[in-house]
PDB file of N, CA and C in Angstrom:
ATOM      1  N   MET A   1     -13.891 -11.574  25.772  1.00  0.00           N
ATOM      2  CA  MET A   1     -12.859 -10.740  25.188  1.00  0.00           C
ATOM      3  C   MET A   1     -11.620 -11.604  24.923  1.00  0.00           C
ATOM      4  N   THR A   2     -10.990 -11.363  23.799  1.00  0.00           N
ATOM      5  CA  THR A   2      -9.803 -12.139  23.462  1.00  0.00           C
ATOM      6  C   THR A   2      -8.578 -11.597  24.166  1.00  0.00           C
ATOM      7  N   GLU A   3      -7.622 -12.468  24.292  1.00  0.00           N
ATOM      8  CA  GLU A   3      -6.384 -12.130  24.982  1.00  0.00           C
ATOM      9  C   GLU A   3      -5.507 -11.226  24.118  1.00  0.00           C
ATOM     10  N   THR A   4      -4.743 -10.366  24.747  1.00  0.00           N
ATOM     11  CA  THR A   4      -3.826  -9.481  24.046  1.00  0.00           C
ATOM     12  C   THR A   4      -2.701 -10.285  23.405  1.00  0.00           C
ATOM     13  N   VAL A   5      -2.400  -9.951  22.158  1.00  0.00           N
ATOM     14  CA  VAL A   5      -1.276 -10.578  21.468  1.00  0.00           C
ATOM     15  C   VAL A   5      -0.056  -9.724  21.801  1.00  0.00           C
ATOM     16  N   ASN A   6       0.727 -10.168  22.771  1.00  0.00           N
ATOM     17  CA  ASN A   6       1.824  -9.333  23.234  1.00  0.00           C
ATOM     18  C   ASN A   6       3.195  -9.936  22.991  1.00  0.00           C
ATOM     19  N   LYS A   7       3.238 -11.056  22.278  1.00  0.00           N
ATOM     20  CA  LYS A   7       4.531 -11.666  22.019  1.00  0.00           C
ATOM     21  C   LYS A   7       4.678 -11.939  20.526  1.00  0.00           C
ATOM     22  N   ASP A   8       5.734 -11.402  19.961  1.00  0.00           N
ATOM     23  CA  ASP A   8       6.031 -11.612  18.552  1.00  0.00           C
ATOM     24  C   ASP A   8       6.604 -13.013  18.353  1.00  0.00           C
ATOM     25  N   PHE A   9       6.477 -13.546  17.164  1.00  0.00           N
ATOM     26  CA  PHE A   9       7.086 -14.828  16.826  1.00  0.00           C
ATOM     27  C   PHE A   9       7.388 -14.840  15.332  1.00  0.00           C
ATOM     28  N   GLN A  10       8.314 -15.683  14.958  1.00  0.00           N
ATOM     29  CA  GLN A  10       8.688 -15.817  13.556  1.00  0.00           C
ATOM     30  C   GLN A  10       7.645 -16.665  12.842  1.00  0.00           C
ATOM     31  N   VAL A  11       7.154 -16.161  11.725  1.00  0.00           N
ATOM     32  CA  VAL A  11       6.258 -16.932  10.876  1.00  0.00           C
ATOM     33  C   VAL A  11       7.110 -17.800   9.952  1.00  0.00           C
ATOM     34  N   THR A  12       8.146 -17.183   9.393  1.00  0.00           N
ATOM     35  CA  THR A  12       9.166 -17.887   8.617  1.00  0.00           C
ATOM     36  C   THR A  12      10.515 -17.330   9.055  1.00  0.00           C
ATOM     37  N   GLN A  13      11.582 -17.775   8.435  1.00  0.00           N
ATOM     38  CA  GLN A  13      12.923 -17.367   8.862  1.00  0.00           C
ATOM     39  C   GLN A  13      13.112 -15.850   8.925  1.00  0.00           C
ATOM     40  N   HIS A  14      12.623 -15.120   7.933  1.00  0.00           N
ATOM     41  CA  HIS A  14      12.876 -13.682   7.857  1.00  0.00           C
ATOM     42  C   HIS A  14      11.656 -12.798   8.115  1.00  0.00           C
ATOM     43  N   PHE A  15      10.501 -13.392   8.360  1.00  0.00           N
ATOM     44  CA  PHE A  15       9.289 -12.589   8.529  1.00  0.00           C
ATOM     45  C   PHE A  15       8.586 -12.942   9.834  1.00  0.00           C
ATOM     46  N   GLY A  16       8.407 -11.917  10.670  1.00  0.00           N
ATOM     47  CA  GLY A  16       7.765 -12.097  11.965  1.00  0.00           C
ATOM     48  C   GLY A  16       6.295 -11.719  11.945  1.00  0.00           C
ATOM     49  N   PHE A  17       5.563 -12.233  12.923  1.00  0.00           N
ATOM     50  CA  PHE A  17       4.133 -11.971  13.041  1.00  0.00           C
ATOM     51  C   PHE A  17       3.845 -10.483  13.193  1.00  0.00           C
ATOM     52  N   PHE A  18       4.575  -9.806  14.078  1.00  0.00           N
ATOM     53  CA  PHE A  18       4.327  -8.380  14.285  1.00  0.00           C
ATOM     54  C   PHE A  18       4.616  -7.587  13.013  1.00  0.00           C
ATOM     55  N   GLU A  19       5.664  -7.958  12.293  1.00  0.00           N
ATOM     56  CA  GLU A  19       6.012  -7.290  11.036  1.00  0.00           C
ATOM     57  C   GLU A  19       4.872  -7.422  10.019  1.00  0.00           C
ATOM     58  N   MET A  20       4.263  -8.590   9.966  1.00  0.00           N
ATOM     59  CA  MET A  20       3.216  -8.861   8.977  1.00  0.00           C
ATOM     60  C   MET A  20       1.845  -8.355   9.401  1.00  0.00           C
ATOM     61  N   THR A  21       1.722  -7.836  10.619  1.00  0.00           N
ATOM     62  CA  THR A  21       0.431  -7.362  11.124  1.00  0.00           C
ATOM     63  C   THR A  21       0.500  -5.924  11.637  1.00  0.00           C
ATOM     64  N   LYS A  22       1.611  -5.248  11.403  1.00  0.00           N
ATOM     65  CA  LYS A  22       1.761  -3.888  11.931  1.00  0.00           C
ATOM     66  C   LYS A  22       0.883  -2.900  11.170  1.00  0.00           C
ATOM     67  N   THR A  23       0.534  -1.843  11.865  1.00  0.00           N
ATOM     68  CA  THR A  23      -0.224  -0.752  11.273  1.00  0.00           C
ATOM     69  C   THR A  23       0.135   0.541  11.994  1.00  0.00           C
ATOM     70  N   SER A  24       0.011   1.645  11.287  1.00  0.00           N
ATOM     71  CA  SER A  24       0.217   2.945  11.934  1.00  0.00           C
ATOM     72  C   SER A  24      -1.057   3.401  12.653  1.00  0.00           C
ATOM     73  N   ASN A  25      -2.140   2.659  12.482  1.00  0.00           N
ATOM     74  CA  ASN A  25      -3.400   2.962  13.145  1.00  0.00           C
ATOM     75  C   ASN A  25      -3.391   2.302  14.530  1.00  0.00           C
ATOM     76  N   ALA A  26      -2.877   3.019  15.503  1.00  0.00           N
ATOM     77  CA  ALA A  26      -2.689   2.465  16.852  1.00  0.00           C
ATOM     78  C   ALA A  26      -3.991   1.939  17.453  1.00  0.00           C
ATOM     79  N   GLY A  27      -5.111   2.567  17.141  1.00  0.00           N
ATOM     80  CA  GLY A  27      -6.389   2.147  17.694  1.00  0.00           C
ATOM     81  C   GLY A  27      -6.860   0.786  17.199  1.00  0.00           C
ATOM     82  N   LEU A  28      -6.318   0.337  16.079  1.00  0.00           N
ATOM     83  CA  LEU A  28      -6.718  -0.950  15.521  1.00  0.00           C
ATOM     84  C   LEU A  28      -5.609  -1.994  15.545  1.00  0.00           C
ATOM     85  N   GLN A  29      -4.443  -1.634  16.105  1.00  0.00           N
ATOM     86  CA  GLN A  29      -3.307  -2.561  16.098  1.00  0.00           C
ATOM     87  C   GLN A  29      -3.622  -3.884  16.790  1.00  0.00           C
ATOM     88  N   GLU A  30      -4.142  -3.839  17.987  1.00  0.00           N
ATOM     89  CA  GLU A  30      -4.400  -5.072  18.739  1.00  0.00           C
ATOM     90  C   GLU A  30      -5.483  -5.915  18.078  1.00  0.00           C
ATOM     91  N   LEU A  31      -6.567  -5.292  17.646  1.00  0.00           N
ATOM     92  CA  LEU A  31      -7.624  -6.029  16.952  1.00  0.00           C
ATOM     93  C   LEU A  31      -7.064  -6.698  15.698  1.00  0.00           C
ATOM     94  N   ASN A  32      -6.231  -5.987  14.965  1.00  0.00           N
ATOM     95  CA  ASN A  32      -5.644  -6.543  13.751  1.00  0.00           C
ATOM     96  C   ASN A  32      -4.821  -7.788  14.057  1.00  0.00           C
ATOM     97  N   ARG A  33      -4.031  -7.746  15.113  1.00  0.00           N
ATOM     98  CA  ARG A  33      -3.214  -8.917  15.485  1.00  0.00           C
ATOM     99  C   ARG A  33      -4.082 -10.077  15.970  1.00  0.00           C
ATOM    100  N   GLN A  34      -5.126  -9.775  16.715  1.00  0.00           N
ATOM    101  CA  GLN A  34      -6.030 -10.837  17.173  1.00  0.00           C
ATOM    102  C   GLN A  34      -6.687 -11.536  15.984  1.00  0.00           C
ATOM    103  N   LYS A  35      -7.192 -10.746  15.050  1.00  0.00           N
ATOM    104  CA  LYS A  35      -7.860 -11.309  13.869  1.00  0.00           C
ATOM    105  C   LYS A  35      -6.876 -12.070  12.985  1.00  0.00           C
ATOM    106  N   ALA A  36      -5.637 -11.608  12.916  1.00  0.00           N
ATOM    107  CA  ALA A  36      -4.622 -12.259  12.075  1.00  0.00           C
ATOM    108  C   ALA A  36      -4.368 -13.694  12.524  1.00  0.00           C
ATOM    109  N   LEU A  37      -4.510 -13.965  13.799  1.00  0.00           N
ATOM    110  CA  LEU A  37      -4.291 -15.330  14.296  1.00  0.00           C
ATOM    111  C   LEU A  37      -5.237 -16.325  13.626  1.00  0.00           C
ATOM    112  N   GLU A  38      -6.423 -15.863  13.258  1.00  0.00           N
ATOM    113  CA  GLU A  38      -7.399 -16.720  12.578  1.00  0.00           C
ATOM    114  C   GLU A  38      -6.936 -17.077  11.163  1.00  0.00           C
ATOM    115  N   TYR A  39      -6.047 -16.267  10.607  1.00  0.00           N
ATOM    116  CA  TYR A  39      -5.578 -16.444   9.235  1.00  0.00           C
ATOM    117  C   TYR A  39      -4.112 -16.879   9.189  1.00  0.00           C
ATOM    118  N   LEU A  40      -3.625 -17.419  10.276  1.00  0.00           N
ATOM    119  CA  LEU A  40      -2.215 -17.802  10.353  1.00  0.00           C
ATOM    120  C   LEU A  40      -1.794 -18.789   9.262  1.00  0.00           C
ATOM    121  N   PRO A  41      -2.595 -19.775   8.883  1.00  0.00           N
ATOM    122  CA  PRO A  41      -2.171 -20.654   7.782  1.00  0.00           C
ATOM    123  C   PRO A  41      -1.941 -19.892   6.469  1.00  0.00           C
ATOM    124  N   SER A  42      -2.845 -18.970   6.131  1.00  0.00           N
ATOM    125  CA  SER A  42      -2.679 -18.154   4.919  1.00  0.00           C
ATOM    126  C   SER A  42      -1.479 -17.228   5.047  1.00  0.00           C
ATOM    127  N   LEU A  43      -1.335 -16.639   6.216  1.00  0.00           N
ATOM    128  CA  LEU A  43      -0.210 -15.735   6.450  1.00  0.00           C
ATOM    129  C   LEU A  43       1.115 -16.486   6.362  1.00  0.00           C
ATOM    130  N   SER A  44       1.137 -17.710   6.830  1.00  0.00           N
ATOM    131  CA  SER A  44       2.343 -18.541   6.723  1.00  0.00           C
ATOM    132  C   SER A  44       2.688 -18.829   5.269  1.00  0.00           C
ATOM    133  N   ARG A  45       1.678 -19.139   4.456  1.00  0.00           N
ATOM    134  CA  ARG A  45       1.922 -19.365   3.024  1.00  0.00           C
ATOM    135  C   ARG A  45       2.442 -18.099   2.365  1.00  0.00           C
ATOM    136  N   LEU A  46       1.867 -16.955   2.725  1.00  0.00           N
ATOM    137  CA  LEU A  46       2.324 -15.679   2.177  1.00  0.00           C
ATOM    138  C   LEU A  46       3.781 -15.423   2.549  1.00  0.00           C
ATOM    139  N   CYS A  47       4.136 -15.663   3.788  1.00  0.00           N
ATOM    140  CA  CYS A  47       5.520 -15.442   4.230  1.00  0.00           C
ATOM    141  C   CYS A  47       6.481 -16.386   3.511  1.00  0.00           C
ATOM    142  N   THR A  48       6.044 -17.590   3.221  1.00  0.00           N
ATOM    143  CA  THR A  48       6.875 -18.523   2.457  1.00  0.00           C
ATOM    144  C   THR A  48       7.116 -17.981   1.046  1.00  0.00           C
ATOM    145  N   ILE A  49       6.087 -17.426   0.440  1.00  0.00           N
ATOM    146  CA  ILE A  49       6.247 -16.793  -0.872  1.00  0.00           C
ATOM    147  C   ILE A  49       7.198 -15.608  -0.769  1.00  0.00           C
ATOM    148  N   MET A  50       7.047 -14.813   0.282  1.00  0.00           N
ATOM    149  CA  MET A  50       7.922 -13.649   0.481  1.00  0.00           C
ATOM    150  C   MET A  50       9.374 -14.081   0.681  1.00  0.00           C
ATOM    151  N   GLU A  51       9.597 -15.222   1.300  1.00  0.00           N
ATOM    152  CA  GLU A  51      10.952 -15.754   1.435  1.00  0.00           C
ATOM    153  C   GLU A  51      11.550 -16.014   0.049  1.00  0.00           C
ATOM    154  N   GLY A  52      10.727 -16.538  -0.863  1.00  0.00           N
ATOM    155  CA  GLY A  52      11.183 -16.779  -2.229  1.00  0.00           C
ATOM    156  C   GLY A  52      11.517 -15.497  -2.960  1.00  0.00           C
ATOM    157  N   VAL A  53      10.708 -14.476  -2.763  1.00  0.00           N
ATOM    158  CA  VAL A  53      10.980 -13.169  -3.371  1.00  0.00           C
ATOM    159  C   VAL A  53      12.287 -12.609  -2.819  1.00  0.00           C
ATOM    160  N   ARG A  54      12.446 -12.693  -1.521  1.00  0.00           N
ATOM    161  CA  ARG A  54      13.670 -12.197  -0.872  1.00  0.00           C
ATOM    162  C   ARG A  54      14.895 -12.922  -1.419  1.00  0.00           C
ATOM    163  N   ALA A  55      14.804 -14.230  -1.567  1.00  0.00           N
ATOM    164  CA  ALA A  55      15.918 -15.021  -2.084  1.00  0.00           C
ATOM    165  C   ALA A  55      16.202 -14.671  -3.548  1.00  0.00           C
ATOM    166  N   ALA A  56      15.154 -14.457  -4.339  1.00  0.00           N
ATOM    167  CA  ALA A  56      15.317 -14.161  -5.763  1.00  0.00           C
ATOM    168  C   ALA A  56      16.031 -12.836  -6.001  1.00  0.00           C
ATOM    169  N   ILE A  57      15.715 -11.823  -5.190  1.00  0.00           N
ATOM    170  CA  ILE A  57      16.370 -10.525  -5.402  1.00  0.00           C
ATOM    171  C   ILE A  57      17.647 -10.397  -4.571  1.00  0.00           C
ATOM    172  N   GLY A  58      17.823 -11.284  -3.616  1.00  0.00           N
ATOM    173  CA  GLY A  58      19.049 -11.305  -2.826  1.00  0.00           C
ATOM    174  C   GLY A  58      19.198 -10.159  -1.848  1.00  0.00           C
ATOM    175  N   GLU A  59      18.088  -9.594  -1.441  1.00  0.00           N
ATOM    176  CA  GLU A  59      18.103  -8.469  -0.496  1.00  0.00           C
ATOM    177  C   GLU A  59      16.929  -8.571   0.469  1.00  0.00           C
ATOM    178  N   PRO A  60      17.086  -8.011   1.673  1.00  0.00           N
ATOM    179  CA  PRO A  60      15.957  -7.961   2.609  1.00  0.00           C
ATOM    180  C   PRO A  60      14.804  -7.136   2.038  1.00  0.00           C
ATOM    181  N   LEU A  61      13.602  -7.402   2.523  1.00  0.00           N
ATOM    182  CA  LEU A  61      12.408  -6.674   2.119  1.00  0.00           C
ATOM    183  C   LEU A  61      11.848  -5.917   3.310  1.00  0.00           C
ATOM    184  N   VAL A  62      11.211  -4.796   3.035  1.00  0.00           N
ATOM    185  CA  VAL A  62      10.541  -4.008   4.061  1.00  0.00           C
ATOM    186  C   VAL A  62       9.040  -4.147   3.825  1.00  0.00           C
ATOM    187  N   VAL A  63       8.345  -4.729   4.792  1.00  0.00           N
ATOM    188  CA  VAL A  63       6.899  -4.908   4.688  1.00  0.00           C
ATOM    189  C   VAL A  63       6.218  -3.611   5.122  1.00  0.00           C
ATOM    190  N   HIS A  64       5.370  -3.086   4.243  1.00  0.00           N
ATOM    191  CA  HIS A  64       4.623  -1.868   4.552  1.00  0.00           C
ATOM    192  C   HIS A  64       3.208  -2.199   5.017  1.00  0.00           C
ATOM    193  N   SER A  65       2.648  -3.269   4.455  1.00  0.00           N
ATOM    194  CA  SER A  65       1.311  -3.680   4.839  1.00  0.00           C
ATOM    195  C   SER A  65       1.149  -5.161   4.543  1.00  0.00           C
ATOM    196  N   GLY A  66       0.852  -5.913   5.576  1.00  0.00           N
ATOM    197  CA  GLY A  66       0.577  -7.340   5.421  1.00  0.00           C
ATOM    198  C   GLY A  66      -0.887  -7.578   5.711  1.00  0.00           C
ATOM    199  N   PHE A  67      -1.177  -8.365   6.735  1.00  0.00           N
ATOM    200  CA  PHE A  67      -2.565  -8.653   7.091  1.00  0.00           C
ATOM    201  C   PHE A  67      -3.271  -7.386   7.560  1.00  0.00           C
ATOM    202  N   ARG A  68      -4.525  -7.211   7.097  1.00  0.00           N
ATOM    203  CA  ARG A  68      -5.400  -6.139   7.582  1.00  0.00           C
ATOM    204  C   ARG A  68      -6.764  -6.741   7.862  1.00  0.00           C
ATOM    205  N   CYS A  69      -7.214  -6.647   9.098  1.00  0.00           N
ATOM    206  CA  CYS A  69      -8.571  -7.098   9.412  1.00  0.00           C
ATOM    207  C   CYS A  69      -9.553  -6.180   8.689  1.00  0.00           C
ATOM    208  N   SER A  70     -10.809  -6.575   8.620  1.00  0.00           N
ATOM    209  CA  SER A  70     -11.779  -5.780   7.853  1.00  0.00           C
ATOM    210  C   SER A  70     -11.919  -4.358   8.392  1.00  0.00           C
ATOM    211  N   ASP A  71     -11.871  -4.184   9.709  1.00  0.00           N
ATOM    212  CA  ASP A  71     -11.965  -2.830  10.282  1.00  0.00           C
ATOM    213  C   ASP A  71     -10.786  -1.969   9.843  1.00  0.00           C
ATOM    214  N   LEU A  72      -9.602  -2.544   9.883  1.00  0.00           N
ATOM    215  CA  LEU A  72      -8.406  -1.800   9.469  1.00  0.00           C
ATOM    216  C   LEU A  72      -8.450  -1.542   7.965  1.00  0.00           C
ATOM    217  N   ASN A  73      -8.897  -2.515   7.205  1.00  0.00           N
ATOM    218  CA  ASN A  73      -8.984  -2.331   5.758  1.00  0.00           C
ATOM    219  C   ASN A  73      -9.921  -1.175   5.416  1.00  0.00           C
ATOM    220  N   LYS A  74     -11.062  -1.098   6.105  1.00  0.00           N
ATOM    221  CA  LYS A  74     -12.020  -0.006   5.883  1.00  0.00           C
ATOM    222  C   LYS A  74     -11.404   1.345   6.232  1.00  0.00           C
ATOM    223  N   ALA A  75     -10.540   1.363   7.235  1.00  0.00           N
ATOM    224  CA  ALA A  75      -9.922   2.611   7.695  1.00  0.00           C
ATOM    225  C   ALA A  75      -8.683   2.993   6.887  1.00  0.00           C
ATOM    226  N   THR A  76      -8.280   2.141   5.947  1.00  0.00           N
ATOM    227  CA  THR A  76      -7.074   2.385   5.158  1.00  0.00           C
ATOM    228  C   THR A  76      -7.455   3.003   3.821  1.00  0.00           C
ATOM    229  N   ALA A  77      -7.031   4.228   3.619  1.00  0.00           N
ATOM    230  CA  ALA A  77      -7.342   4.944   2.378  1.00  0.00           C
ATOM    231  C   ALA A  77      -6.831   4.176   1.167  1.00  0.00           C
ATOM    232  N   GLY A  78      -7.671   4.078   0.160  1.00  0.00           N
ATOM    233  CA  GLY A  78      -7.278   3.446  -1.084  1.00  0.00           C
ATOM    234  C   GLY A  78      -7.367   1.930  -1.098  1.00  0.00           C
ATOM    235  N   SER A  79      -7.793   1.328  -0.003  1.00  0.00           N
ATOM    236  CA  SER A  79      -7.866  -0.137   0.027  1.00  0.00           C
ATOM    237  C   SER A  79      -9.144  -0.624  -0.653  1.00  0.00           C
ATOM    238  N   SER A  80      -9.063  -1.801  -1.226  1.00  0.00           N
ATOM    239  CA  SER A  80     -10.196  -2.413  -1.906  1.00  0.00           C
ATOM    240  C   SER A  80     -11.111  -3.107  -0.895  1.00  0.00           C
ATOM    241  N   LYS A  81     -12.396  -3.083  -1.160  1.00  0.00           N
ATOM    242  CA  LYS A  81     -13.362  -3.773  -0.292  1.00  0.00           C
ATOM    243  C   LYS A  81     -13.153  -5.282  -0.317  1.00  0.00           C
ATOM    244  N   SER A  82     -12.495  -5.775  -1.350  1.00  0.00           N
ATOM    245  CA  SER A  82     -12.230  -7.215  -1.460  1.00  0.00           C
ATOM    246  C   SER A  82     -10.733  -7.515  -1.390  1.00  0.00           C
ATOM    247  N   SER A  83      -9.994  -6.681  -0.663  1.00  0.00           N
ATOM    248  CA  SER A  83      -8.543  -6.817  -0.559  1.00  0.00           C
ATOM    249  C   SER A  83      -8.111  -8.181  -0.039  1.00  0.00           C
ATOM    250  N   GLN A  84      -7.128  -8.746  -0.692  1.00  0.00           N
ATOM    251  CA  GLN A  84      -6.558 -10.021  -0.254  1.00  0.00           C
ATOM    252  C   GLN A  84      -5.803  -9.859   1.068  1.00  0.00           C
ATOM    253  N   HIS A  85      -5.503  -8.632   1.459  1.00  0.00           N
ATOM    254  CA  HIS A  85      -4.874  -8.373   2.759  1.00  0.00           C
ATOM    255  C   HIS A  85      -5.741  -8.937   3.888  1.00  0.00           C
ATOM    256  N   MET A  86      -7.057  -8.889   3.706  1.00  0.00           N
ATOM    257  CA  MET A  86      -7.978  -9.346   4.758  1.00  0.00           C
ATOM    258  C   MET A  86      -7.989 -10.867   4.910  1.00  0.00           C
ATOM    259  N   LEU A  87      -7.380 -11.559   3.972  1.00  0.00           N
ATOM    260  CA  LEU A  87      -7.299 -13.016   4.031  1.00  0.00           C
ATOM    261  C   LEU A  87      -5.894 -13.505   4.343  1.00  0.00           C
ATOM    262  N   GLY A  88      -4.981 -12.558   4.574  1.00  0.00           N
ATOM    263  CA  GLY A  88      -3.582 -12.931   4.813  1.00  0.00           C
ATOM    264  C   GLY A  88      -2.904 -13.403   3.544  1.00  0.00           C
ATOM    265  N   GLU A  89      -3.355 -12.889   2.395  1.00  0.00           N
ATOM    266  CA  GLU A  89      -2.847 -13.336   1.104  1.00  0.00           C
ATOM    267  C   GLU A  89      -2.196 -12.222   0.290  1.00  0.00           C
ATOM    268  N   ALA A  90      -1.920 -11.075   0.909  1.00  0.00           N
ATOM    269  CA  ALA A  90      -1.302  -9.965   0.183  1.00  0.00           C
ATOM    270  C   ALA A  90      -0.323  -9.230   1.088  1.00  0.00           C
ATOM    271  N   CYS A  91       0.673  -8.660   0.452  1.00  0.00           N
ATOM    272  CA  CYS A  91       1.701  -7.930   1.193  1.00  0.00           C
ATOM    273  C   CYS A  91       2.257  -6.822   0.300  1.00  0.00           C
ATOM    274  N   ASP A  92       2.273  -5.613   0.820  1.00  0.00           N
ATOM    275  CA  ASP A  92       2.915  -4.498   0.128  1.00  0.00           C
ATOM    276  C   ASP A  92       4.309  -4.363   0.718  1.00  0.00           C
ATOM    277  N   PHE A  93       5.306  -4.307  -0.146  1.00  0.00           N
ATOM    278  CA  PHE A  93       6.690  -4.273   0.340  1.00  0.00           C
ATOM    279  C   PHE A  93       7.585  -3.546  -0.644  1.00  0.00           C
ATOM    280  N   THR A  94       8.756  -3.182  -0.173  1.00  0.00           N
ATOM    281  CA  THR A  94       9.828  -2.647  -1.006  1.00  0.00           C
ATOM    282  C   THR A  94      11.112  -3.346  -0.637  1.00  0.00           C
ATOM    283  N   ARG A  95      12.103  -3.183  -1.493  1.00  0.00           N
ATOM    284  CA  ARG A  95      13.439  -3.681  -1.158  1.00  0.00           C
ATOM    285  C   ARG A  95      14.020  -2.791  -0.077  1.00  0.00           C
ATOM    286  N   GLN A  96      14.859  -3.360   0.751  1.00  0.00           N
ATOM    287  CA  GLN A  96      15.543  -2.582   1.783  1.00  0.00           C
ATOM    288  C   GLN A  96      16.843  -2.057   1.197  1.00  0.00           C
ATOM    289  N   TYR A  97      16.934  -0.764   1.041  1.00  0.00           N
ATOM    290  CA  TYR A  97      18.136  -0.160   0.492  1.00  0.00           C
ATOM    291  C   TYR A  97      19.002   0.366   1.620  1.00  0.00           C
ATOM    292  N   ASP A  98      20.301   0.124   1.504  1.00  0.00           N
ATOM    293  CA  ASP A  98      21.234   0.710   2.464  1.00  0.00           C
ATOM    294  C   ASP A  98      21.546   2.111   2.011  1.00  0.00           C
ATOM    295  N   ASN A  99      21.587   3.033   2.958  1.00  0.00           N
ATOM    296  CA  ASN A  99      21.909   4.430   2.615  1.00  0.00           C
ATOM    297  C   ASN A  99      23.386   4.658   2.669  1.00  0.00           C
TER     298      ASN A  99
END
């Protein structure tokens, strides 16, 4: 059995590991984080790209979905069977608006 991923860390300056691997599916959260460690190089490249997007628009971004392991991807309505999320190469996000 793999060890619990219980400590967050920064992947890049503005994007953390937990942020890029979070899910509302509590039953798959830990598995998703464990599997994401295998894709850390891809996830790091993605976060570097996201840093560029953040810099280009000049505002923080809110990550809605980053890495999804295959089990989580299957459990996510509307996800593609070949989603780049499963490779740490896709991120759904919005701009962070102040209210």
